[in-house]
Protein backbone atom coordinates (compact mmCIF):
# COMPACT_ATOMS: atom_id res chain seq x y z
CA MET A 1 78.72 237.24 130.63
CA LEU A 2 78.82 233.48 129.81
CA THR A 3 81.44 234.05 127.13
CA THR A 4 83.79 235.97 129.37
CA ALA A 5 83.45 233.36 132.18
CA ALA A 6 84.29 230.42 129.80
CA LEU A 7 87.21 232.28 128.25
CA THR A 8 88.52 232.80 131.83
CA LEU A 9 88.26 229.12 132.54
CA ALA A 10 90.02 228.37 129.26
CA MET A 11 92.94 230.67 130.20
CA SER A 12 93.17 229.44 133.75
CA PRO A 13 96.57 228.21 134.86
CA GLN A 14 94.92 224.94 136.08
CA ALA A 15 94.01 224.08 132.55
CA GLY A 16 97.41 224.29 131.13
CA ALA A 17 99.90 221.40 130.52
CA ASP A 18 102.55 223.70 129.46
CA SER A 19 104.32 224.25 132.74
CA THR A 20 108.05 224.46 132.14
CA GLY A 21 108.70 223.69 135.82
CA GLY A 22 111.21 225.29 138.03
CA ASP A 23 115.05 225.43 137.93
CA VAL A 24 116.99 222.17 138.28
CA GLN A 25 119.62 221.91 140.99
CA VAL A 26 122.09 219.13 140.84
CA ALA A 27 125.06 218.69 143.36
CA GLN A 28 128.20 217.28 141.72
CA THR A 29 131.47 216.18 143.37
CA LEU A 30 133.79 216.71 140.40
CA GLY A 31 137.30 215.77 141.53
CA ASP A 32 138.02 217.87 144.52
CA ARG A 33 135.34 220.40 143.83
CA GLU A 34 131.97 220.17 145.54
CA LEU A 35 129.59 222.13 143.26
CA THR A 36 125.87 222.82 142.88
CA VAL A 37 124.95 223.10 139.20
CA ILE A 38 121.74 225.08 138.55
CA LEU A 39 119.95 224.85 135.26
CA ARG A 40 117.62 227.66 134.89
CA ARG A 41 114.28 227.04 133.33
CA VAL A 42 114.06 227.32 129.55
CA THR A 43 110.98 229.35 128.47
CA GLY A 44 111.09 228.62 124.71
CA VAL A 45 113.12 226.86 122.02
CA PRO A 46 115.26 227.67 120.37
CA GLY A 47 116.52 229.80 123.25
CA PRO A 48 119.11 230.10 125.98
CA LEU A 49 119.92 227.71 128.83
CA HIS A 50 121.35 229.72 131.74
CA VAL A 51 123.72 227.57 133.87
CA ASP A 52 124.91 228.72 137.22
CA VAL A 53 127.82 226.91 139.00
CA PHE A 54 127.74 227.53 142.68
CA THR A 55 131.07 226.98 144.52
CA HIS A 56 131.67 226.40 148.29
CA ALA A 57 134.50 227.55 150.50
CA GLY A 58 137.74 225.70 149.57
CA THR A 59 136.86 225.12 146.02
CA PRO A 60 139.96 225.56 143.87
CA ALA A 61 139.85 228.01 141.03
CA GLY A 62 139.85 226.68 137.35
CA ALA A 63 137.89 226.33 134.24
CA LEU A 64 134.98 223.99 133.42
CA ASP A 65 134.10 223.01 129.93
CA LEU A 66 130.26 222.84 129.39
CA ALA A 67 128.44 221.28 126.43
CA ALA A 68 124.70 220.95 125.57
CA VAL A 69 123.84 217.64 123.76
CA PRO A 70 120.39 216.60 122.74
CA THR A 71 119.45 212.93 123.44
CA GLY A 72 116.29 210.83 123.11
CA VAL A 73 114.57 208.91 120.32
CA SER A 74 111.91 209.95 117.92
CA SER A 75 109.85 208.47 115.16
CA SER A 76 111.08 211.18 112.99
CA ALA A 77 114.53 210.60 111.56
CA SER A 78 115.20 214.24 111.22
CA ALA A 79 114.35 215.01 114.91
CA ALA A 80 116.47 212.01 116.15
CA SER A 81 119.44 212.81 113.83
CA ALA A 82 120.74 215.48 116.20
CA SER A 83 120.81 213.04 119.33
CA GLY A 84 124.31 212.75 120.54
CA THR A 85 125.71 215.73 118.72
CA VAL A 86 127.15 218.59 120.70
CA VAL A 87 125.03 221.73 119.98
CA HIS A 88 126.79 224.41 121.92
CA THR A 89 129.86 224.77 124.29
CA ALA A 90 130.80 227.20 126.87
CA VAL A 91 133.52 227.78 129.52
CA VAL A 92 132.93 228.69 133.10
CA THR A 93 135.95 230.14 134.94
CA LEU A 94 135.70 229.53 138.66
CA GLY A 95 137.33 232.06 140.89
CA SER A 96 139.04 231.38 144.21
CA ARG A 97 136.08 233.01 146.09
CA PRO A 98 133.00 230.95 146.65
CA GLY A 99 129.87 231.96 144.92
CA THR A 100 127.96 231.80 141.53
CA TYR A 101 129.69 231.51 138.20
CA SER A 102 127.64 231.57 134.97
CA ALA A 103 127.47 230.57 131.37
CA VAL A 104 124.77 230.48 128.72
CA LEU A 105 124.30 227.71 126.21
CA ASP A 106 121.77 227.45 123.33
CA VAL A 107 119.28 224.69 123.09
CA THR A 108 117.68 224.17 119.69
CA GLN A 109 114.82 221.82 120.30
CA ALA A 110 112.36 220.59 123.04
CA GLY A 111 113.17 216.99 124.47
CA PRO A 112 115.75 215.23 126.44
CA TRP A 113 119.18 216.69 126.81
CA GLU A 114 122.48 216.22 128.59
CA LEU A 115 124.63 218.85 130.06
CA SER A 116 128.33 217.71 130.34
CA LEU A 117 130.83 219.27 132.70
CA SER A 118 134.61 218.59 132.27
CA ASP A 119 137.45 219.79 134.47
CA GLY A 120 139.93 218.36 131.96
CA GLN A 121 140.23 215.06 133.77
CA ARG A 122 136.72 213.96 134.47
CA THR A 123 133.48 214.51 132.62
CA ALA A 124 130.05 214.47 134.30
CA THR A 125 126.73 214.31 132.37
CA ILE A 126 123.56 215.62 133.83
CA PRO A 127 120.31 214.59 132.05
CA PHE A 128 117.57 217.14 131.89
CA ILE A 129 114.32 217.95 129.97
CA VAL A 130 113.79 221.06 127.85
CA PRO A 131 109.88 221.29 127.89
CA LYS A 132 107.74 222.63 125.21
CA GLN A 133 104.58 224.68 125.98
CA THR A 134 101.69 222.62 124.74
CA THR A 135 97.82 222.92 124.51
CA SER A 136 95.45 220.31 125.62
CA PRO A 137 92.72 219.18 123.18
CA ALA A 138 90.06 220.76 125.43
CA GLU A 139 91.95 224.18 125.42
CA ALA A 140 92.43 223.93 121.59
CA ALA A 141 88.79 223.39 121.19
CA ALA A 142 87.96 226.29 123.35
CA TYR A 143 90.24 228.60 121.61
CA LEU A 144 89.16 227.45 118.21
CA GLY A 145 85.42 227.61 119.24
CA PHE A 146 85.85 231.25 120.39
CA SER A 147 87.72 232.27 117.33
CA GLY A 148 85.06 230.83 115.03
CA ALA A 149 82.29 232.32 117.22
CA GLY A 150 83.92 235.69 116.81
CA GLY A 151 84.11 235.34 113.08
CA LEU A 152 80.47 234.20 112.76
CA ILE A 153 79.23 237.07 114.74
CA LEU A 154 80.35 239.42 111.96
CA VAL A 155 78.96 237.15 109.13
CA THR A 156 75.63 236.84 111.04
CA VAL A 157 75.40 240.74 111.40
CA LEU A 158 76.46 241.09 107.67
CA VAL A 159 73.80 238.59 106.55
CA ALA A 160 71.09 240.02 108.68
CA VAL A 161 71.68 243.43 107.12
CA ARG A 162 72.12 242.43 103.49
CA ALA A 163 69.98 239.34 103.16
CA ARG A 164 66.37 239.88 101.73
CA ARG A 165 65.07 236.79 103.57
CA GLY A 166 65.45 236.71 107.38
CA TRP A 167 65.88 232.98 107.50
CA TRP A 168 69.35 233.30 106.02
CA THR A 169 70.64 234.57 109.17
CA LEU A 170 69.81 231.25 110.81
CA VAL A 171 72.77 229.59 109.00
CA PRO A 172 75.59 231.71 110.39
CA GLY A 173 73.67 232.04 113.62
CA GLY A 174 73.41 228.29 113.98
CA GLY A 175 77.17 227.99 113.44
CA LEU A 176 77.67 230.68 115.99
CA VAL A 177 75.81 228.72 118.62
CA ALA A 178 77.60 225.62 117.71
CA CYS A 179 81.02 227.28 118.10
CA LEU A 180 80.08 228.71 121.43
CA THR A 181 78.81 225.36 122.64
CA VAL A 182 82.15 223.75 121.69
CA ALA A 183 84.19 226.68 123.23
CA VAL A 184 82.28 226.60 126.51
CA THR A 185 82.47 222.82 126.73
CA GLY A 186 86.16 222.84 126.05
CA ALA A 187 86.72 225.61 128.52
CA LEU A 188 84.94 223.69 131.21
CA LEU A 189 86.66 220.47 130.47
CA SER A 190 90.02 222.00 130.28
CA SER A 191 90.09 222.72 134.05
CA GLN A 192 88.81 219.23 134.91
CA LEU A 193 90.62 216.85 132.67
CA PRO A 194 93.91 215.39 134.15
CA LEU A 195 97.17 216.51 132.77
CA PRO A 196 99.23 214.22 130.58
CA PRO A 197 102.12 212.36 132.54
CA SER A 198 105.16 214.43 132.95
CA GLN A 199 108.09 213.53 130.53
CA GLY A 200 111.06 212.26 132.45
CA GLY A 201 109.06 212.05 135.57
CA GLN A 202 106.17 209.78 135.15
CA VAL A 203 107.16 208.37 131.82
CA ASP A 204 110.46 207.85 130.07
CA ALA A 205 110.87 210.94 128.08
CA THR A 206 111.25 210.98 124.20
CA ILE A 207 111.49 213.67 121.71
CA ASP A 208 107.97 213.03 120.55
CA GLY A 209 106.58 212.85 123.98
CA VAL A 210 107.90 216.08 124.97
CA ASN A 211 106.66 217.87 121.91
CA ASP A 212 103.22 216.45 122.16
CA PRO A 213 102.50 214.79 125.43
CA TYR A 214 98.76 214.21 124.38
CA ALA A 215 99.68 212.21 121.35
CA SER A 216 100.87 209.03 122.99
CA VAL A 217 100.33 208.80 126.70
CA GLY A 218 101.87 205.39 127.22
CA GLN A 219 102.14 203.56 130.39
CA ARG A 220 102.98 205.66 133.52
CA THR A 221 105.82 204.36 135.62
CA GLY A 222 103.48 204.79 138.64
CA ASP A 223 101.32 201.98 137.17
CA TYR A 224 103.95 199.31 137.91
CA SER A 225 106.80 198.62 140.08
CA ARG A 226 110.35 198.48 138.80
CA PRO A 227 112.65 195.66 140.03
CA PRO A 228 115.24 196.40 142.65
CA ALA A 229 118.81 197.76 141.82
CA THR A 230 122.10 196.31 142.44
CA LEU A 231 125.11 198.19 143.40
CA LEU A 232 128.82 197.22 142.77
CA LEU A 233 131.53 199.15 144.25
CA SER A 234 135.13 199.25 143.12
CA SER A 235 137.98 201.46 144.26
CA SER A 236 141.19 202.55 142.47
CA THR A 237 143.19 202.07 145.69
CA ASN A 238 142.91 200.83 149.30
CA ARG A 239 145.86 202.34 150.71
CA ALA A 240 145.52 204.93 153.41
CA GLY A 241 146.77 208.35 152.79
CA GLU A 242 145.60 208.24 149.30
CA VAL A 243 142.55 209.28 147.38
CA ALA A 244 140.40 206.41 145.97
CA GLU A 245 138.40 206.94 142.84
CA LEU A 246 135.28 205.10 143.57
CA ARG A 247 133.26 203.66 140.66
CA LEU A 248 129.67 202.77 141.44
CA THR A 249 127.81 200.55 138.97
CA LEU A 250 124.02 200.31 139.02
CA SER A 251 122.17 197.64 137.35
CA ASP A 252 118.68 196.34 137.06
CA ALA A 253 118.22 193.29 139.14
CA ALA A 254 115.91 191.58 136.74
CA THR A 255 117.55 192.27 133.47
CA GLY A 256 121.09 192.96 134.55
CA LEU A 257 121.18 196.08 132.15
CA PRO A 258 122.68 199.35 133.23
CA LEU A 259 120.30 201.39 135.28
CA ASP A 260 119.71 204.56 133.31
CA ASP A 261 116.44 205.87 134.86
CA VAL A 262 118.00 207.63 137.71
CA VAL A 263 116.32 210.96 138.37
CA VAL A 264 117.24 214.06 140.37
CA HIS A 265 116.45 213.42 143.98
CA ASP A 266 117.00 215.97 146.82
CA GLY A 267 119.29 217.95 144.63
CA ALA A 268 121.55 215.23 143.26
CA LEU A 269 121.40 212.19 140.98
CA MET A 270 123.16 210.28 143.74
CA HIS A 271 124.07 210.88 147.35
CA LEU A 272 126.96 208.93 148.65
CA LEU A 273 127.63 208.61 152.37
CA ALA A 274 130.87 207.14 153.66
CA ILE A 275 131.83 206.75 157.28
CA GLY A 276 135.53 206.28 158.09
CA PRO A 277 137.24 204.44 161.03
CA SER A 278 137.26 207.42 163.48
CA GLY A 279 133.82 208.59 162.53
CA GLN A 280 134.57 211.08 159.70
CA LEU A 281 131.54 211.45 157.34
CA TRP A 282 131.56 212.25 153.81
CA HIS A 283 128.36 213.36 151.97
CA LEU A 284 129.44 213.34 148.39
CA HIS A 285 127.58 213.44 145.05
CA PRO A 286 129.05 211.12 142.35
CA VAL A 287 129.01 212.30 138.65
CA ARG A 288 127.29 210.23 136.17
CA THR A 289 129.76 209.13 133.45
CA GLY A 290 127.43 206.90 131.56
CA PRO A 291 124.34 204.68 131.89
CA GLY A 292 124.47 203.11 135.35
CA GLU A 293 128.07 204.41 135.90
CA PHE A 294 129.05 206.83 138.58
CA GLU A 295 132.37 208.15 139.88
CA VAL A 296 133.61 210.07 142.88
CA PRO A 297 136.96 210.56 144.77
CA LEU A 298 137.12 209.48 148.46
CA SER A 299 139.96 210.41 150.61
CA LEU A 300 141.29 207.55 152.80
CA PRO A 301 143.08 209.40 155.55
CA GLU A 302 143.64 206.48 157.91
CA ALA A 303 143.80 202.71 157.90
CA GLY A 304 140.57 200.87 158.65
CA HIS A 305 137.11 200.13 157.31
CA TYR A 306 135.00 202.65 155.43
CA ALA A 307 131.32 201.93 155.18
CA VAL A 308 129.70 203.28 152.04
CA SER A 309 126.06 203.58 150.97
CA ALA A 310 124.46 205.06 147.81
CA GLU A 311 121.05 206.84 147.80
CA PHE A 312 119.41 207.56 144.52
CA ALA A 313 115.78 207.49 143.00
CA ARG A 314 114.50 205.48 140.11
CA ARG A 315 111.82 206.74 137.78
CA GLY A 316 108.79 204.76 138.79
CA GLY A 317 110.88 202.72 141.37
CA GLY A 318 111.16 205.20 144.22
CA VAL A 319 114.12 206.07 146.47
CA ARG A 320 116.75 203.37 147.10
CA GLN A 321 119.56 203.50 149.59
CA LEU A 322 121.95 200.54 148.96
CA ARG A 323 124.70 199.86 151.51
CA SER A 324 127.65 198.44 149.81
CA ALA A 325 128.12 194.89 151.07
CA THR A 326 131.97 195.25 151.10
CA GLY A 327 132.84 198.98 151.76
CA ILE A 328 136.56 199.63 151.64
CA ASP A 329 139.23 198.20 153.85
CA ALA A 330 142.14 200.61 153.77
CA VAL A 331 145.62 199.44 154.54
CA SER A 332 148.42 201.33 156.00
CA GLY A 333 150.18 203.58 153.49
CA SER A 334 152.99 205.96 153.54
CA GLY A 335 150.61 209.05 153.82
CA ALA A 336 148.41 207.39 156.37
CA ARG A 337 147.13 209.45 159.38
CA THR A 338 147.89 207.92 162.80
CA THR A 339 145.31 209.83 164.65
CA ALA A 340 141.84 211.14 163.81
CA GLY A 341 142.05 214.47 162.18
CA ASP A 342 138.51 215.56 162.85
CA ALA A 343 137.25 216.52 166.29
CA PRO A 344 135.66 213.43 168.05
CA ALA A 345 131.92 213.29 168.40
CA ARG A 346 130.71 215.09 171.39
CA ALA A 347 129.17 212.73 174.00
CA GLY A 348 125.57 213.87 174.60
CA THR A 349 123.96 217.27 173.39
CA GLY A 350 125.55 220.65 174.10
CA SER A 351 127.72 223.19 172.30
CA ARG A 352 130.81 222.82 170.09
CA THR A 353 132.58 224.83 167.52
CA VAL A 354 133.05 223.74 163.88
CA ALA A 355 134.81 225.84 161.24
CA GLY A 356 134.61 228.77 163.64
CA VAL A 357 130.76 228.47 164.10
CA GLU A 358 129.28 227.58 167.42
CA VAL A 359 126.65 224.87 167.13
CA ARG A 360 124.30 224.16 170.09
CA LEU A 361 122.41 220.98 170.14
CA SER A 362 119.29 220.24 172.37
CA ALA A 363 116.94 217.40 172.45
CA SER A 364 113.39 217.08 173.79
CA SER A 365 114.00 213.56 175.00
CA LEU A 366 116.20 210.52 174.11
CA VAL A 367 113.89 207.61 174.80
CA ALA A 368 113.70 204.83 172.36
CA GLY A 369 110.28 204.58 170.65
CA LYS A 370 109.36 208.25 171.51
CA ALA A 371 109.64 211.08 168.96
CA THR A 372 112.54 213.35 169.58
CA VAL A 373 113.01 216.94 168.50
CA LEU A 374 116.67 217.66 167.95
CA THR A 375 117.33 221.37 167.56
CA ALA A 376 120.69 222.58 166.44
CA ARG A 377 121.29 226.34 166.63
CA VAL A 378 123.93 227.10 163.96
CA GLY A 379 125.51 230.51 164.79
CA ASP A 380 123.24 233.16 166.08
CA THR A 381 122.04 234.85 162.85
CA ALA A 382 119.54 233.93 160.17
CA THR A 383 122.14 233.46 157.54
CA LEU A 384 121.84 229.73 156.74
CA GLN A 385 121.80 228.68 153.10
CA PRO A 386 119.70 225.90 151.64
CA TRP A 387 121.96 222.88 150.79
CA LEU A 388 120.26 220.30 148.43
CA GLY A 389 117.01 222.05 148.95
CA MET A 390 116.96 221.71 152.65
CA LEU A 391 118.14 223.71 155.74
CA GLY A 392 119.72 220.70 157.45
CA HIS A 393 120.59 217.11 157.03
CA LEU A 394 120.61 214.55 159.92
CA ILE A 395 122.45 211.22 159.40
CA VAL A 396 121.94 208.64 162.07
CA VAL A 397 123.72 205.25 162.63
CA GLY A 398 123.26 202.78 165.39
CA PRO A 399 122.90 201.29 167.80
CA LEU A 400 126.70 201.09 168.07
CA PRO A 401 129.24 200.21 170.81
CA PRO A 402 130.46 203.73 171.90
CA THR A 403 134.20 202.74 171.78
CA ALA A 404 134.09 200.57 168.60
CA ALA A 405 135.72 201.61 165.32
CA VAL A 406 133.02 203.61 163.79
CA GLY A 407 133.42 202.50 160.19
CA ALA A 408 133.49 198.80 160.88
CA ALA A 409 130.55 199.11 163.34
CA THR A 410 128.54 200.97 160.80
CA GLN A 411 128.98 198.36 158.15
CA ASN A 412 126.79 196.07 160.27
CA ALA A 413 124.56 198.54 162.05
CA GLN A 414 120.87 197.88 162.26
CA LEU A 415 120.07 201.50 161.35
CA TRP A 416 121.31 203.93 158.81
CA ALA A 417 118.90 206.86 158.47
CA HIS A 418 118.99 210.09 156.57
CA SER A 419 116.45 212.76 157.59
CA HIS A 420 115.89 216.37 156.73
CA SER A 421 114.88 219.50 158.55
CA MET A 422 112.61 221.65 156.31
CA GLY A 423 109.16 223.00 155.73
CA ALA A 424 106.55 221.45 153.39
CA MET A 425 108.28 220.00 150.29
CA PRO A 426 106.89 217.59 147.68
CA ASP A 427 109.45 214.93 148.32
CA SER A 428 109.85 212.24 151.06
CA ALA A 429 112.86 211.54 153.23
CA HIS A 430 114.96 208.55 154.11
CA ASP A 431 114.87 205.86 156.77
CA VAL A 432 117.03 202.95 155.84
CA SER A 433 117.66 200.33 158.43
CA ARG A 434 118.55 196.64 159.05
CA THR A 435 118.73 195.45 155.46
CA GLN A 436 121.13 195.97 152.55
CA GLU A 437 118.30 197.52 150.41
CA THR A 438 115.23 199.12 152.06
CA PRO A 439 112.48 201.01 150.36
CA HIS A 440 112.20 204.87 151.17
CA MET A 441 110.17 204.54 154.27
CA GLY A 442 110.74 207.70 156.22
CA ARG A 443 109.58 211.25 155.72
CA HIS A 444 111.07 214.72 155.75
CA SER A 445 111.41 215.76 159.32
CA SER A 446 109.73 219.03 160.21
CA PRO A 447 109.13 220.90 163.49
CA ALA A 448 106.00 219.27 164.71
CA SER A 449 106.18 219.81 168.45
CA SER A 450 106.09 222.81 170.82
CA SER A 451 109.95 222.41 171.19
CA ALA A 452 110.41 223.83 167.70
CA SER A 453 109.96 227.46 167.58
CA SER A 454 107.49 229.31 165.32
CA ALA A 455 110.26 231.51 164.27
CA GLU A 456 111.87 228.54 162.44
CA THR A 457 108.71 227.55 160.85
CA HIS A 458 108.39 231.04 159.38
CA SER A 459 112.13 231.09 158.43
CA MET A 460 111.66 227.90 156.25
CA SER A 461 108.53 229.02 154.46
CA GLY A 462 110.71 230.40 151.59
CA LEU A 463 111.89 226.75 150.77
CA THR A 464 108.56 225.87 149.37
CA SER A 465 107.75 226.07 145.81
CA LEU A 466 104.51 227.89 144.98
CA ASN A 467 102.79 227.99 141.66
CA GLY A 468 105.70 226.37 139.81
CA ASP A 469 108.25 228.86 140.98
CA SER A 470 111.77 227.63 141.86
CA THR A 471 112.63 227.04 145.39
CA ALA A 472 115.45 229.22 147.04
CA ASP A 473 118.85 227.92 146.29
CA GLU A 474 122.28 228.41 147.99
CA THR A 475 122.52 231.99 146.85
CA VAL A 476 119.94 232.92 149.40
CA ALA A 477 121.36 233.22 153.00
CA ALA A 478 118.40 234.11 155.07
CA TYR A 479 117.34 231.15 157.16
CA GLY A 480 117.82 229.65 160.62
CA PRO A 481 119.65 229.88 162.86
CA ASP A 482 117.64 227.00 164.48
CA VAL A 483 117.55 223.77 162.43
CA ALA A 484 115.13 221.16 163.99
CA PHE A 485 114.62 217.52 163.24
CA VAL A 486 111.95 215.14 164.39
CA TYR A 487 113.32 211.59 164.77
CA THR A 488 112.34 208.46 166.57
CA PHE A 489 115.14 206.23 167.77
CA PRO A 490 113.86 202.61 167.43
CA ALA A 491 115.92 200.95 170.18
CA ALA A 492 117.99 201.86 173.16
CA GLY A 493 121.72 202.16 172.80
CA HIS A 494 124.40 204.65 171.68
CA TYR A 495 123.93 206.37 168.21
CA ARG A 496 126.35 208.36 166.11
CA ILE A 497 124.59 211.31 164.48
CA TRP A 498 125.97 214.01 162.14
CA ILE A 499 124.19 217.21 161.53
CA GLN A 500 125.01 219.14 158.28
CA ALA A 501 124.04 222.73 157.36
CA GLU A 502 125.55 225.38 155.22
CA ARG A 503 126.68 228.85 156.43
CA ASP A 504 129.01 231.34 154.69
CA ASN A 505 129.24 228.98 151.73
CA THR A 506 130.72 226.32 153.91
CA ILE A 507 128.96 223.04 154.59
CA LEU A 508 129.40 222.25 158.29
CA THR A 509 129.34 218.62 159.56
CA VAL A 510 128.82 218.43 163.27
CA PRO A 511 129.24 214.89 164.85
CA TYR A 512 127.45 213.86 168.22
CA LEU A 513 127.26 210.58 170.23
CA LEU A 514 123.89 210.13 171.83
CA HIS A 515 122.80 207.77 174.41
CA VAL A 516 119.13 206.55 173.96
CA THR A 517 117.50 204.99 176.94
CA GLY A 518 114.88 202.28 176.89
CA THR A 519 111.35 202.87 178.23
CA GLU A 520 112.10 200.89 181.18
CA ASP A 521 115.18 202.94 181.99
CA ARG A 522 113.04 206.14 182.64
CA THR A 523 112.84 207.47 185.97
CA PRO A 524 109.43 208.62 187.27
């Protein structure tokens, strides 16, 4: 009985440090394509890496060249020799219909890797970790102890039968007891000892660290605070009517070195938010072209100011949202638009139609300092798709003069916030205000009041990762139609908000203009 219980403890999932984790989803704005690249979990090396490229409505057809490249350093010259060498290539042919297009690449070793995607003009690189199933020292002791005990049982029986002196059985019997003691102790400790720090998450990943995370634990990034990051923005053009190729350069404020510890956060390496003169919102995902270097195209349809912010997460440094100090001032060009192309923001809550879908917004209250439940009903069926791992996104800017040019007013707005509507998830949300650089202070919004229906809470349960399984991705259209956010407007005034959700493989962006009253303005 004791042996069976101890063996069960030794094989318990809690004892393992060999979790391969779930799938990795990374949004990429590659040229005029908004893609979601899904790297399916690798269960063993050498082995296949399944890559799914999910396209949205309006994505042009074409071919993408994929390549798998091992990276990372190692104390072994032979292990490090393959770093930077393309191991396998594949081609993904994207069709005109939105959906999933797949390819398979071979990975040959555990450790840090990069996946490159090229459309012939631009090349994006996505860092990822190929894990290796490892056994903790306590588990190894348990397995060896039980194996030794099994062998010594046979030896003890054989000695007891064949030996003329009974005390000879004490020799293998004592070894049997020692092996069982080691095995039971290891089994008990294996469920209690902390796991080693995750490679690429809590420590900078190396080839050696991934292959044997117990050999050299090193200093966890959570044990110290990394310096702030700096953001430089450059644009290939500032003429309205053209597409500007934005280049974003991230560097460490202390060393000035390129910032190469950006990790996937909310389904992307970087989220770029840009707001145009008439209130058009762009939520893009720049591609990584090198250490600290990101690029993304941005349409400049009209003359005026475009406010730009970049949101990303550093390993050990938390989430940062940096507002570009300059933004982009677009001058009139031959292809400039003279009037706003998008539907203007609706004043107040209510119903409006975007891309043929009716969206109805309601608010529990619009009072400064009081938590507000904003509920958007997107269509009438439970067919919403998770985008960036969430059902909905809420971008808030304000307070702003209601008739001012939105881009210029946003540049100096006190508040620029980004919240999510979702169930329980292991990440935190965004609330960035008043400063050019503010720590990640907010939280993921979730329906917390009676105004949010229990049906929505149930519909979002599938977004939660359980037991290391991957969360639902955009291929699952079974959520909503209600998308609720909990947000507290800090001051009275007019706020521009944008609600984003995905339906029918189309990302909907719904603008509103809300007037938030002060506490003294409330009528009894």
